[in-house]
């Protein structure tokens, strides 16, 4: 990979993390509908603030008064997401030019995810923050980040190490799946505004097992704050959403913590193990701190960013465990493989 390609990839990876954090900031500051339309804002590419623009906005959206602070939050997020999309288009174009060396499957998958993200971003606004769409938008953003992380790791050869045993690779897959499920549960908490349903820790509403309505809590096809029939979503459903996220954190702690400790105990794997344990510890501390401090906005946004970092750390460890074993035990990699090097010229 050329220096320009590498620079674009690194910029895209950093920008993806920024976009995920900005998306959390927009959502948690209740600015998700700061602009009533998409992709512009009140029919314009910038937030209307001058008198003629404000008049046009009022005429076009008479039932949606302009709230400039919220609208700017939403538009800054869209500008950053657009920049990320352009960077990914550049990566796809560069990979397509080098398709004789390596199949650009990851880059094409990344482009497909970004296109789906654009559609979900539009539906988030037009469907008035429907929880399943908002959660899907969050997962799409983290999937974009994960694919960029895979591309970045592919260009950074790992040191030669002993291949990992099968049980450790299985543990890594289980830990990665658990992190993804926990992120989905966290997104469901955020998109349903259920963070305050359990204001204490480690109990919830002073009880170890509060009253829960799991049926309405996890009905996907419903509007924000409502049941599938249109009735007001009961508080016990919000409690169930929050409590499920908190309980599953124990599963993540067990699996990811065990993975980190196991990696720390193996020669040559301390770096991956340390990264996993640091990311896990940070995320747990942020989660507990948010409850104890009643979800201050900076800490809540940091909790979302911490989830992205934990996903990347676990993903990196999992990929290294599998590819290291393949390098040591398998036949020479072909150019169509995920981490296969480009063919060397004949001498």
Foldseek 3Di string as FASTA:
>chain_A
DDPVLLVLLVVLLVLLLVLLLLLLLLLVVVLLQLALAPDPRLPDNAQDDDPVSQVSSCVSCVPDHHDRVSNRSNNVSSVSLVVSLVSLVVNLVVCVVVCVFENPPLSVVLNVLSVVLRVLSRCCNVQVLQLLSQLVNSLSSLVNSQSSLLVNVLVPDADADDADDPVLLVLLVVLLVLLSVLSSLVSLLSSQVLLCLALDPPPRPPHNDDQADCVQLPPRPDGHQAGNVRHGDDSRSSVNSNVVSSVSLVVSCVSLVVSLVVQCPDPRRPVLSVQLVVLNVVLVVLSNVCSNVVHDSVSSSVNSSSSSSNSSSSSSSSVCNVVSNCVVPHDQDDSHDSSHGGDDDDD
